[in-house]
Amino acid sequence: MSLNELKINQSAKIMRITAGDELRDRLFSLGLSEGKKLLKINSTLGKNTVAIELERTCVILRSNEAEHIFVELN
């Protein structure tokens, strides 16, 4: 399932990232990589952005970025 499909307060592990090189590098610089655990904190009403907690840091992603991150529930 993609990160967008997680419900609020669900935790998951990143299984793969299917983004192009530029977006993959950006996500990696934010600490997102395969094997990392995260918690979905919130999303906006229009689901345009997704807030996650990753290693005690809050990261906010655009929905079109989050759709490239595939996770598995913990």
PDB file of N, CA and C in Angstrom:
ATOM      1  N   MET A   1       0.837  -1.171   0.000  1.00  0.00           N
ATOM      2  CA  MET A   1       0.000   0.000   0.000  1.00  0.00           C
ATOM      3  C   MET A   1       0.885   1.238   0.000  1.00  0.00           C
ATOM      4  N   SER A   2       0.372   2.312  -0.557  1.00  0.00           N
ATOM      5  CA  SER A   2       1.157   3.550  -0.572  1.00  0.00           C
ATOM      6  C   SER A   2       0.988   4.284   0.752  1.00  0.00           C
ATOM      7  N   LEU A   3       1.882   5.200   1.026  1.00  0.00           N
ATOM      8  CA  LEU A   3       1.830   6.003   2.244  1.00  0.00           C
ATOM      9  C   LEU A   3       0.505   6.756   2.335  1.00  0.00           C
ATOM     10  N   ASN A   4      -0.048   7.177   1.211  1.00  0.00           N
ATOM     11  CA  ASN A   4      -1.326   7.884   1.203  1.00  0.00           C
ATOM     12  C   ASN A   4      -2.459   7.037   1.776  1.00  0.00           C
ATOM     13  N   GLU A   5      -2.361   5.732   1.653  1.00  0.00           N
ATOM     14  CA  GLU A   5      -3.434   4.839   2.086  1.00  0.00           C
ATOM     15  C   GLU A   5      -3.422   4.542   3.583  1.00  0.00           C
ATOM     16  N   LEU A   6      -2.337   4.870   4.265  1.00  0.00           N
ATOM     17  CA  LEU A   6      -2.285   4.666   5.710  1.00  0.00           C
ATOM     18  C   LEU A   6      -3.322   5.542   6.389  1.00  0.00           C
ATOM     19  N   LYS A   7      -3.883   5.040   7.470  1.00  0.00           N
ATOM     20  CA  LYS A   7      -4.800   5.831   8.275  1.00  0.00           C
ATOM     21  C   LYS A   7      -3.994   6.590   9.316  1.00  0.00           C
ATOM     22  N   ILE A   8      -4.590   7.645   9.840  1.00  0.00           N
ATOM     23  CA  ILE A   8      -3.928   8.443  10.870  1.00  0.00           C
ATOM     24  C   ILE A   8      -3.633   7.550  12.072  1.00  0.00           C
ATOM     25  N   ASN A   9      -2.453   7.703  12.641  1.00  0.00           N
ATOM     26  CA  ASN A   9      -1.932   6.951  13.785  1.00  0.00           C
ATOM     27  C   ASN A   9      -1.559   5.508  13.454  1.00  0.00           C
ATOM     28  N   GLN A  10      -1.474   5.148  12.192  1.00  0.00           N
ATOM     29  CA  GLN A  10      -0.973   3.826  11.813  1.00  0.00           C
ATOM     30  C   GLN A  10       0.536   3.925  11.601  1.00  0.00           C
ATOM     31  N   SER A  11       1.228   2.903  12.067  1.00  0.00           N
ATOM     32  CA  SER A  11       2.665   2.861  11.843  1.00  0.00           C
ATOM     33  C   SER A  11       2.968   1.824  10.771  1.00  0.00           C
ATOM     34  N   ALA A  12       4.060   2.040  10.068  1.00  0.00           N
ATOM     35  CA  ALA A  12       4.410   1.163   8.955  1.00  0.00           C
ATOM     36  C   ALA A  12       5.912   1.215   8.720  1.00  0.00           C
ATOM     37  N   LYS A  13       6.353   0.294   7.876  1.00  0.00           N
ATOM     38  CA  LYS A  13       7.753   0.213   7.486  1.00  0.00           C
ATOM     39  C   LYS A  13       7.829   0.457   5.980  1.00  0.00           C
ATOM     40  N   ILE A  14       8.775   1.269   5.550  1.00  0.00           N
ATOM     41  CA  ILE A  14       8.937   1.557   4.127  1.00  0.00           C
ATOM     42  C   ILE A  14       9.516   0.328   3.437  1.00  0.00           C
ATOM     43  N   MET A  15       8.807  -0.158   2.425  1.00  0.00           N
ATOM     44  CA  MET A  15       9.243  -1.345   1.699  1.00  0.00           C
ATOM     45  C   MET A  15       9.977  -0.979   0.401  1.00  0.00           C
ATOM     46  N   ARG A  16       9.470   0.032  -0.300  1.00  0.00           N
ATOM     47  CA  ARG A  16      10.166   0.477  -1.519  1.00  0.00           C
ATOM     48  C   ARG A  16       9.725   1.896  -1.874  1.00  0.00           C
ATOM     49  N   ILE A  17      10.575   2.560  -2.621  1.00  0.00           N
ATOM     50  CA  ILE A  17      10.293   3.906  -3.118  1.00  0.00           C
ATOM     51  C   ILE A  17      10.452   3.846  -4.629  1.00  0.00           C
ATOM     52  N   THR A  18       9.390   4.210  -5.349  1.00  0.00           N
ATOM     53  CA  THR A  18       9.383   4.067  -6.809  1.00  0.00           C
ATOM     54  C   THR A  18       9.560   5.397  -7.527  1.00  0.00           C
ATOM     55  N   ALA A  19      10.120   6.373  -6.885  1.00  0.00           N
ATOM     56  CA  ALA A  19      10.280   7.708  -7.460  1.00  0.00           C
ATOM     57  C   ALA A  19      11.487   7.767  -8.391  1.00  0.00           C
ATOM     58  N   GLY A  20      11.510   8.791  -9.222  1.00  0.00           N
ATOM     59  CA  GLY A  20      12.666   9.058 -10.061  1.00  0.00           C
ATOM     60  C   GLY A  20      13.844   9.522  -9.219  1.00  0.00           C
ATOM     61  N   ASP A  21      14.993   9.667  -9.848  1.00  0.00           N
ATOM     62  CA  ASP A  21      16.226   9.987  -9.121  1.00  0.00           C
ATOM     63  C   ASP A  21      16.127  11.279  -8.312  1.00  0.00           C
ATOM     64  N   GLU A  22      15.574  12.324  -8.900  1.00  0.00           N
ATOM     65  CA  GLU A  22      15.509  13.620  -8.219  1.00  0.00           C
ATOM     66  C   GLU A  22      14.655  13.537  -6.958  1.00  0.00           C
ATOM     67  N   LEU A  23      13.451  12.967  -7.086  1.00  0.00           N
ATOM     68  CA  LEU A  23      12.568  12.840  -5.919  1.00  0.00           C
ATOM     69  C   LEU A  23      13.140  11.849  -4.927  1.00  0.00           C
ATOM     70  N   ARG A  24      13.719  10.756  -5.399  1.00  0.00           N
ATOM     71  CA  ARG A  24      14.325   9.763  -4.500  1.00  0.00           C
ATOM     72  C   ARG A  24      15.426  10.424  -3.664  1.00  0.00           C
ATOM     73  N   ASP A  25      16.258  11.248  -4.290  1.00  0.00           N
ATOM     74  CA  ASP A  25      17.316  11.942  -3.559  1.00  0.00           C
ATOM     75  C   ASP A  25      16.740  12.893  -2.516  1.00  0.00           C
ATOM     76  N   ARG A  26      15.658  13.591  -2.866  1.00  0.00           N
ATOM     77  CA  ARG A  26      15.013  14.511  -1.924  1.00  0.00           C
ATOM     78  C   ARG A  26      14.453  13.745  -0.736  1.00  0.00           C
ATOM     79  N   LEU A  27      13.767  12.645  -1.003  1.00  0.00           N
ATOM     80  CA  LEU A  27      13.201  11.845   0.072  1.00  0.00           C
ATOM     81  C   LEU A  27      14.301  11.274   0.968  1.00  0.00           C
ATOM     82  N   PHE A  28      15.388  10.825   0.350  1.00  0.00           N
ATOM     83  CA  PHE A  28      16.515  10.299   1.110  1.00  0.00           C
ATOM     84  C   PHE A  28      17.120  11.378   2.003  1.00  0.00           C
ATOM     85  N   SER A  29      17.200  12.607   1.499  1.00  0.00           N
ATOM     86  CA  SER A  29      17.761  13.702   2.303  1.00  0.00           C
ATOM     87  C   SER A  29      16.868  14.034   3.500  1.00  0.00           C
ATOM     88  N   LEU A  30      15.574  13.688   3.407  1.00  0.00           N
ATOM     89  CA  LEU A  30      14.648  13.886   4.526  1.00  0.00           C
ATOM     90  C   LEU A  30      14.677  12.707   5.503  1.00  0.00           C
ATOM     91  N   GLY A  31      15.427  11.663   5.165  1.00  0.00           N
ATOM     92  CA  GLY A  31      15.542  10.514   6.044  1.00  0.00           C
ATOM     93  C   GLY A  31      14.689   9.333   5.641  1.00  0.00           C
ATOM     94  N   LEU A  32      13.975   9.438   4.528  1.00  0.00           N
ATOM     95  CA  LEU A  32      13.109   8.355   4.067  1.00  0.00           C
ATOM     96  C   LEU A  32      13.905   7.383   3.207  1.00  0.00           C
ATOM     97  N   SER A  33      13.934   6.134   3.631  1.00  0.00           N
ATOM     98  CA  SER A  33      14.591   5.092   2.857  1.00  0.00           C
ATOM     99  C   SER A  33      13.974   3.748   3.236  1.00  0.00           C
ATOM    100  N   GLU A  34      14.226   2.756   2.419  1.00  0.00           N
ATOM    101  CA  GLU A  34      13.662   1.427   2.645  1.00  0.00           C
ATOM    102  C   GLU A  34      14.099   0.885   3.998  1.00  0.00           C
ATOM    103  N   GLY A  35      13.158   0.288   4.703  1.00  0.00           N
ATOM    104  CA  GLY A  35      13.438  -0.279   6.012  1.00  0.00           C
ATOM    105  C   GLY A  35      13.136   0.630   7.184  1.00  0.00           C
ATOM    106  N   LYS A  36      12.954   1.927   6.939  1.00  0.00           N
ATOM    107  CA  LYS A  36      12.669   2.873   8.018  1.00  0.00           C
ATOM    108  C   LYS A  36      11.220   2.729   8.468  1.00  0.00           C
ATOM    109  N   LYS A  37      11.001   2.925   9.767  1.00  0.00           N
ATOM    110  CA  LYS A  37       9.653   2.879  10.329  1.00  0.00           C
ATOM    111  C   LYS A  37       9.132   4.298  10.478  1.00  0.00           C
ATOM    112  N   LEU A  38       7.826   4.451  10.253  1.00  0.00           N
ATOM    113  CA  LEU A  38       7.211   5.769  10.337  1.00  0.00           C
ATOM    114  C   LEU A  38       5.820   5.661  10.933  1.00  0.00           C
ATOM    115  N   LEU A  39       5.261   6.802  11.306  1.00  0.00           N
ATOM    116  CA  LEU A  39       3.918   6.905  11.843  1.00  0.00           C
ATOM    117  C   LEU A  39       3.205   8.022  11.096  1.00  0.00           C
ATOM    118  N   LYS A  40       2.020   7.744  10.561  1.00  0.00           N
ATOM    119  CA  LYS A  40       1.249   8.790   9.896  1.00  0.00           C
ATOM    120  C   LYS A  40       0.553   9.613  10.970  1.00  0.00           C
ATOM    121  N   ILE A  41       0.861  10.890  11.009  1.00  0.00           N
ATOM    122  CA  ILE A  41       0.320  11.777  12.029  1.00  0.00           C
ATOM    123  C   ILE A  41      -0.997  12.392  11.579  1.00  0.00           C
ATOM    124  N   ASN A  42      -1.023  12.886  10.351  1.00  0.00           N
ATOM    125  CA  ASN A  42      -2.202  13.606   9.879  1.00  0.00           C
ATOM    126  C   ASN A  42      -2.126  13.787   8.375  1.00  0.00           C
ATOM    127  N   SER A  43      -3.233  14.236   7.806  1.00  0.00           N
ATOM    128  CA  SER A  43      -3.255  14.672   6.409  1.00  0.00           C
ATOM    129  C   SER A  43      -4.263  15.812   6.311  1.00  0.00           C
ATOM    130  N   THR A  44      -4.099  16.661   5.325  1.00  0.00           N
ATOM    131  CA  THR A  44      -5.008  17.784   5.183  1.00  0.00           C
ATOM    132  C   THR A  44      -6.370  17.304   4.707  1.00  0.00           C
ATOM    133  N   LEU A  45      -7.373  18.164   4.852  1.00  0.00           N
ATOM    134  CA  LEU A  45      -8.735  17.790   4.465  1.00  0.00           C
ATOM    135  C   LEU A  45      -8.823  17.340   3.017  1.00  0.00           C
ATOM    136  N   GLY A  46      -8.163  18.049   2.129  1.00  0.00           N
ATOM    137  CA  GLY A  46      -8.170  17.676   0.718  1.00  0.00           C
ATOM    138  C   GLY A  46      -7.174  16.584   0.391  1.00  0.00           C
ATOM    139  N   LYS A  47      -6.484  16.091   1.423  1.00  0.00           N
ATOM    140  CA  LYS A  47      -5.460  15.053   1.280  1.00  0.00           C
ATOM    141  C   LYS A  47      -4.350  15.468   0.318  1.00  0.00           C
ATOM    142  N   ASN A  48      -4.041  16.784   0.327  1.00  0.00           N
ATOM    143  CA  ASN A  48      -2.958  17.304  -0.513  1.00  0.00           C
ATOM    144  C   ASN A  48      -1.590  17.085   0.108  1.00  0.00           C
ATOM    145  N   THR A  49      -1.545  16.992   1.441  1.00  0.00           N
ATOM    146  CA  THR A  49      -0.289  16.753   2.138  1.00  0.00           C
ATOM    147  C   THR A  49      -0.480  15.676   3.196  1.00  0.00           C
ATOM    148  N   VAL A  50       0.629  15.045   3.556  1.00  0.00           N
ATOM    149  CA  VAL A  50       0.651  13.978   4.556  1.00  0.00           C
ATOM    150  C   VAL A  50       1.757  14.302   5.554  1.00  0.00           C
ATOM    151  N   ALA A  51       1.424  14.271   6.837  1.00  0.00           N
ATOM    152  CA  ALA A  51       2.421  14.489   7.882  1.00  0.00           C
ATOM    153  C   ALA A  51       2.771  13.149   8.501  1.00  0.00           C
ATOM    154  N   ILE A  52       4.075  12.875   8.601  1.00  0.00           N
ATOM    155  CA  ILE A  52       4.537  11.633   9.212  1.00  0.00           C
ATOM    156  C   ILE A  52       5.592  11.934  10.264  1.00  0.00           C
ATOM    157  N   GLU A  53       5.734  11.004  11.193  1.00  0.00           N
ATOM    158  CA  GLU A  53       6.820  11.072  12.156  1.00  0.00           C
ATOM    159  C   GLU A  53       7.827  10.010  11.767  1.00  0.00           C
ATOM    160  N   LEU A  54       9.059  10.434  11.633  1.00  0.00           N
ATOM    161  CA  LEU A  54      10.142   9.547  11.231  1.00  0.00           C
ATOM    162  C   LEU A  54      11.326   9.823  12.139  1.00  0.00           C
ATOM    163  N   GLU A  55      11.644   8.870  12.997  1.00  0.00           N
ATOM    164  CA  GLU A  55      12.769   9.023  13.927  1.00  0.00           C
ATOM    165  C   GLU A  55      12.687  10.334  14.708  1.00  0.00           C
ATOM    166  N   ARG A  56      11.554  10.567  15.348  1.00  0.00           N
ATOM    167  CA  ARG A  56      11.292  11.739  16.197  1.00  0.00           C
ATOM    168  C   ARG A  56      11.318  13.055  15.437  1.00  0.00           C
ATOM    169  N   THR A  57      11.172  13.005  14.126  1.00  0.00           N
ATOM    170  CA  THR A  57      11.122  14.203  13.299  1.00  0.00           C
ATOM    171  C   THR A  57       9.817  14.201  12.519  1.00  0.00           C
ATOM    172  N   CYS A  58       9.189  15.347  12.426  1.00  0.00           N
ATOM    173  CA  CYS A  58       7.960  15.475  11.641  1.00  0.00           C
ATOM    174  C   CYS A  58       8.335  15.885  10.211  1.00  0.00           C
ATOM    175  N   VAL A  59       7.827  15.129   9.252  1.00  0.00           N
ATOM    176  CA  VAL A  59       8.078  15.400   7.838  1.00  0.00           C
ATOM    177  C   VAL A  59       6.722  15.539   7.146  1.00  0.00           C
ATOM    178  N   ILE A  60       6.574  16.572   6.354  1.00  0.00           N
ATOM    179  CA  ILE A  60       5.338  16.778   5.608  1.00  0.00           C
ATOM    180  C   ILE A  60       5.639  16.621   4.122  1.00  0.00           C
ATOM    181  N   LEU A  61       4.886  15.728   3.490  1.00  0.00           N
ATOM    182  CA  LEU A  61       5.071  15.427   2.068  1.00  0.00           C
ATOM    183  C   LEU A  61       3.827  15.790   1.285  1.00  0.00           C
ATOM    184  N   ARG A  62       4.025  16.139   0.032  1.00  0.00           N
ATOM    185  CA  ARG A  62       2.891  16.311  -0.867  1.00  0.00           C
ATOM    186  C   ARG A  62       2.314  14.932  -1.168  1.00  0.00           C
ATOM    187  N   SER A  63       1.033  14.893  -1.449  1.00  0.00           N
ATOM    188  CA  SER A  63       0.364  13.626  -1.741  1.00  0.00           C
ATOM    189  C   SER A  63       0.999  12.922  -2.938  1.00  0.00           C
ATOM    190  N   ASN A  64       1.365  13.684  -3.976  1.00  0.00           N
ATOM    191  CA  ASN A  64       1.967  13.057  -5.159  1.00  0.00           C
ATOM    192  C   ASN A  64       3.360  12.505  -4.872  1.00  0.00           C
ATOM    193  N   GLU A  65       4.024  12.974  -3.813  1.00  0.00           N
ATOM    194  CA  GLU A  65       5.301  12.393  -3.394  1.00  0.00           C
ATOM    195  C   GLU A  65       5.051  11.123  -2.575  1.00  0.00           C
ATOM    196  N   ALA A  66       4.052  11.181  -1.697  1.00  0.00           N
ATOM    197  CA  ALA A  66       3.739  10.047  -0.824  1.00  0.00           C
ATOM    198  C   ALA A  66       3.253   8.831  -1.605  1.00  0.00           C
ATOM    199  N   GLU A  67       2.669   9.046  -2.773  1.00  0.00           N
ATOM    200  CA  GLU A  67       2.175   7.901  -3.556  1.00  0.00           C
ATOM    201  C   GLU A  67       3.301   7.042  -4.108  1.00  0.00           C
ATOM    202  N   HIS A  68       4.534   7.527  -4.073  1.00  0.00           N
ATOM    203  CA  HIS A  68       5.691   6.757  -4.536  1.00  0.00           C
ATOM    204  C   HIS A  68       6.353   5.943  -3.423  1.00  0.00           C
ATOM    205  N   ILE A  69       5.828   6.095  -2.205  1.00  0.00           N
ATOM    206  CA  ILE A  69       6.396   5.396  -1.049  1.00  0.00           C
ATOM    207  C   ILE A  69       5.445   4.259  -0.669  1.00  0.00           C
ATOM    208  N   PHE A  70       5.937   3.036  -0.783  1.00  0.00           N
ATOM    209  CA  PHE A  70       5.109   1.867  -0.474  1.00  0.00           C
ATOM    210  C   PHE A  70       5.529   1.306   0.871  1.00  0.00           C
ATOM    211  N   VAL A  71       4.516   1.036   1.706  1.00  0.00           N
ATOM    212  CA  VAL A  71       4.767   0.642   3.096  1.00  0.00           C
ATOM    213  C   VAL A  71       4.034  -0.661   3.417  1.00  0.00           C
ATOM    214  N   GLU A  72       4.457  -1.244   4.537  1.00  0.00           N
ATOM    215  CA  GLU A  72       3.812  -2.435   5.080  1.00  0.00           C
ATOM    216  C   GLU A  72       3.513  -2.134   6.541  1.00  0.00           C
ATOM    217  N   LEU A  73       2.307  -2.450   6.983  1.00  0.00           N
ATOM    218  CA  LEU A  73       1.921  -2.184   8.367  1.00  0.00           C
ATOM    219  C   LEU A  73       2.813  -2.950   9.328  1.00  0.00           C
ATOM    220  N   ASN A  74       3.070  -2.337  10.491  1.00  0.00           N
ATOM    221  CA  ASN A  74       3.867  -3.010  11.540  1.00  0.00           C
ATOM    222  C   ASN A  74       2.995  -3.950  12.315  1.00  0.00           C
TER     223      ASN A  74
END
